[in-house]
C-alpha atoms as a PDB file:
ATOM      1  CA  MET A   1     -16.462 219.251  96.586  1.00  0.00           C
ATOM      2  CA  ILE A   2     -14.125 220.353  93.593  1.00  0.00           C
ATOM      3  CA  LYS A   3     -10.742 218.805  95.645  1.00  0.00           C
ATOM      4  CA  SER A   4     -12.427 215.111  95.712  1.00  0.00           C
ATOM      5  CA  ALA A   5     -13.505 215.862  91.946  1.00  0.00           C
ATOM      6  CA  MET A   6      -9.892 216.348  90.901  1.00  0.00           C
ATOM      7  CA  MET A   7      -8.703 213.553  93.320  1.00  0.00           C
ATOM      8  CA  LYS A   8     -10.667 211.144  92.282  1.00  0.00           C
ATOM      9  CA  THR A   9     -10.060 211.098  88.755  1.00  0.00           C
ATOM     10  CA  THR A  10      -6.335 212.004  88.295  1.00  0.00           C
ATOM     11  CA  ASP A  11      -4.592 209.454  86.363  1.00  0.00           C
ATOM     12  CA  VAL A  12      -1.221 207.295  87.274  1.00  0.00           C
ATOM     13  CA  THR A  13       0.394 208.013  83.878  1.00  0.00           C
ATOM     14  CA  ASP A  14       2.393 211.385  82.589  1.00  0.00           C
ATOM     15  CA  ASN A  15       1.010 213.645  79.400  1.00  0.00           C
ATOM     16  CA  ILE A  16       2.537 210.487  77.286  1.00  0.00           C
ATOM     17  CA  GLY A  17       0.946 207.878  78.908  1.00  0.00           C
ATOM     18  CA  SER A  18       3.976 206.899  80.129  1.00  0.00           C
ATOM     19  CA  PRO A  19       3.992 205.402  84.393  1.00  0.00           C
ATOM     20  CA  ILE A  20       4.524 208.365  86.642  1.00  0.00           C
ATOM     21  CA  LEU A  21       8.405 208.358  87.989  1.00  0.00           C
ATOM     22  CA  ASP A  22       9.706 209.421  91.078  1.00  0.00           C
ATOM     23  CA  GLU A  23      12.995 211.474  91.194  1.00  0.00           C
ATOM     24  CA  LYS A  24      15.444 208.198  90.798  1.00  0.00           C
ATOM     25  CA  ASN A  25      13.705 207.155  87.267  1.00  0.00           C
ATOM     26  CA  SER A  26      11.780 204.252  89.057  1.00  0.00           C
ATOM     27  CA  LEU A  27       7.623 203.829  89.174  1.00  0.00           C
ATOM     28  CA  ALA A  28       6.369 206.259  91.820  1.00  0.00           C
ATOM     29  CA  SER A  29       4.547 205.018  94.681  1.00  0.00           C
ATOM     30  CA  TYR A  30       1.604 206.691  95.907  1.00  0.00           C
ATOM     31  CA  PHE A  31       3.433 208.418  98.703  1.00  0.00           C
ATOM     32  CA  ALA A  32       6.128 210.173  95.979  1.00  0.00           C
ATOM     33  CA  MET A  33       3.361 211.221  93.204  1.00  0.00           C
ATOM     34  CA  GLY A  34      -0.197 211.571  95.892  1.00  0.00           C
ATOM     35  CA  ALA A  35      -3.388 211.584  94.180  1.00  0.00           C
ATOM     36  CA  GLY A  36      -2.082 211.387  90.105  1.00  0.00           C
ATOM     37  CA  HIS A  37      -1.707 213.769  87.475  1.00  0.00           C
ATOM     38  CA  VAL A  38      -4.644 215.944  87.533  1.00  0.00           C
ATOM     39  CA  ASN A  39      -6.913 215.291  84.318  1.00  0.00           C
ATOM     40  CA  ALA A  40      -9.149 218.108  83.922  1.00  0.00           C
ATOM     41  CA  ALA A  41     -11.623 216.219  81.466  1.00  0.00           C
ATOM     42  CA  LYS A  42     -12.280 213.423  83.785  1.00  0.00           C
ATOM     43  CA  ALA A  43     -13.071 216.119  86.890  1.00  0.00           C
ATOM     44  CA  THR A  44     -15.781 217.430  84.853  1.00  0.00           C
ATOM     45  CA  ASP A  45     -17.658 214.180  85.220  1.00  0.00           C
ATOM     46  CA  PRO A  46     -16.130 212.361  88.555  1.00  0.00           C
ATOM     47  CA  GLY A  47     -19.797 210.703  89.242  1.00  0.00           C
ATOM     48  CA  LEU A  48     -19.292 210.531  93.510  1.00  0.00           C
ATOM     49  CA  VAL A  49     -17.574 212.718  95.466  1.00  0.00           C
ATOM     50  CA  TYR A  50     -17.000 213.430  99.036  1.00  0.00           C
ATOM     51  CA  ASP A  51     -17.341 216.866 100.721  1.00  0.00           C
ATOM     52  CA  ILE A  52     -15.050 216.249 103.708  1.00  0.00           C
ATOM     53  CA  LYS A  53     -13.627 218.347 106.532  1.00  0.00           C
ATOM     54  CA  SER A  54      -9.777 218.279 107.463  1.00  0.00           C
ATOM     55  CA  SER A  55     -11.199 217.673 111.156  1.00  0.00           C
ATOM     56  CA  GLU A  56     -12.947 214.462 109.906  1.00  0.00           C
ATOM     57  CA  TYR A  57      -9.277 212.785 108.343  1.00  0.00           C
ATOM     58  CA  LEU A  58      -7.932 213.562 112.047  1.00  0.00           C
ATOM     59  CA  SER A  59     -10.835 211.126 113.042  1.00  0.00           C
ATOM     60  CA  TYR A  60     -10.442 208.636 110.768  1.00  0.00           C
ATOM     61  CA  LEU A  61      -6.492 208.482 111.389  1.00  0.00           C
ATOM     62  CA  CYS A  62      -7.405 207.529 115.034  1.00  0.00           C
ATOM     63  CA  GLY A  63      -9.439 205.208 113.741  1.00  0.00           C
ATOM     64  CA  LEU A  64      -6.940 203.079 111.726  1.00  0.00           C
ATOM     65  CA  GLY A  65      -5.106 203.004 115.508  1.00  0.00           C
ATOM     66  CA  TYR A  66      -2.810 206.346 115.339  1.00  0.00           C
ATOM     67  CA  ASN A  67      -2.727 207.740 118.947  1.00  0.00           C
ATOM     68  CA  ALA A  68      -3.047 211.658 119.542  1.00  0.00           C
ATOM     69  CA  SER A  69       1.240 211.841 119.579  1.00  0.00           C
ATOM     70  CA  MET A  70       1.769 210.181 115.814  1.00  0.00           C
ATOM     71  CA  ILE A  71      -1.489 212.033 114.957  1.00  0.00           C
ATOM     72  CA  ASN A  72       0.470 215.456 115.702  1.00  0.00           C
ATOM     73  CA  LYS A  73       3.174 214.646 113.867  1.00  0.00           C
ATOM     74  CA  ILE A  74       1.338 214.126 110.313  1.00  0.00           C
ATOM     75  CA  THR A  75      -0.475 217.038 110.794  1.00  0.00           C
ATOM     76  CA  GLY A  76       0.787 219.650 113.158  1.00  0.00           C
ATOM     77  CA  VAL A  77      -2.996 219.684 114.634  1.00  0.00           C
ATOM     78  CA  PRO A  78      -3.086 219.189 118.450  1.00  0.00           C
ATOM     79  CA  PHE A  79      -5.955 216.229 118.710  1.00  0.00           C
ATOM     80  CA  LYS A  80      -7.160 213.870 121.683  1.00  0.00           C
ATOM     81  CA  SER A  81      -7.585 210.643 120.038  1.00  0.00           C
ATOM     82  CA  LYS A  82     -10.268 208.420 121.378  1.00  0.00           C
ATOM     83  CA  THR A  83      -9.004 205.184 122.261  1.00  0.00           C
ATOM     84  CA  ASN A  84     -12.758 203.523 122.787  1.00  0.00           C
ATOM     85  CA  GLY A  85     -13.507 203.215 118.777  1.00  0.00           C
ATOM     86  CA  VAL A  86     -14.598 205.943 116.377  1.00  0.00           C
ATOM     87  CA  VAL A  87     -17.762 205.953 114.406  1.00  0.00           C
ATOM     88  CA  THR A  88     -16.833 207.550 111.045  1.00  0.00           C
ATOM     89  CA  GLU A  89     -19.809 208.472 108.878  1.00  0.00           C
ATOM     90  CA  ARG A  90     -19.465 209.023 105.070  1.00  0.00           C
ATOM     91  CA  ARG A  91     -21.578 211.156 102.903  1.00  0.00           C
ATOM     92  CA  VAL A  92     -21.270 211.086  99.226  1.00  0.00           C
ATOM     93  CA  THR A  93     -22.713 213.424  96.599  1.00  0.00           C
ATOM     94  CA  ASN A  94     -23.481 212.056  93.202  1.00  0.00           C
ATOM     95  CA  ILE A  95     -22.674 214.731  90.551  1.00  0.00           C
ATOM     96  CA  GLY A  96     -23.061 212.516  87.552  1.00  0.00           C
ATOM     97  CA  ASP A  97     -25.740 210.787  85.304  1.00  0.00           C
ATOM     98  CA  ALA A  98     -29.004 210.358  87.884  1.00  0.00           C
ATOM     99  CA  ASN A  99     -28.943 206.686  86.779  1.00  0.00           C
ATOM    100  CA  SER A 100     -25.589 205.595  87.779  1.00  0.00           C
ATOM    101  CA  LYS A 101     -24.959 202.813  89.815  1.00  0.00           C
ATOM    102  CA  TYR A 102     -22.169 202.066  91.950  1.00  0.00           C
END
């Protein structure tokens, strides 16, 4: 859950408030910067967090239409893709205020 809290509470600006830039000094895409700049203060109160295992991401990719070969290239993990659909269950934990509404 720590990883989820840190990734959910990142900033897309640097430490002086400017947008994060890529190696060409252009606005960075999410592929270039990942989740963003870690904001430790926000991570102490992230609200809902996901306790997810890496194996759950494989089923998610399958559900998006990636086949076993594509998933293997992305992850390096052998995976037998299900072709008839996938049911993905997400469980979240509220570690914020008990009266929070989402």
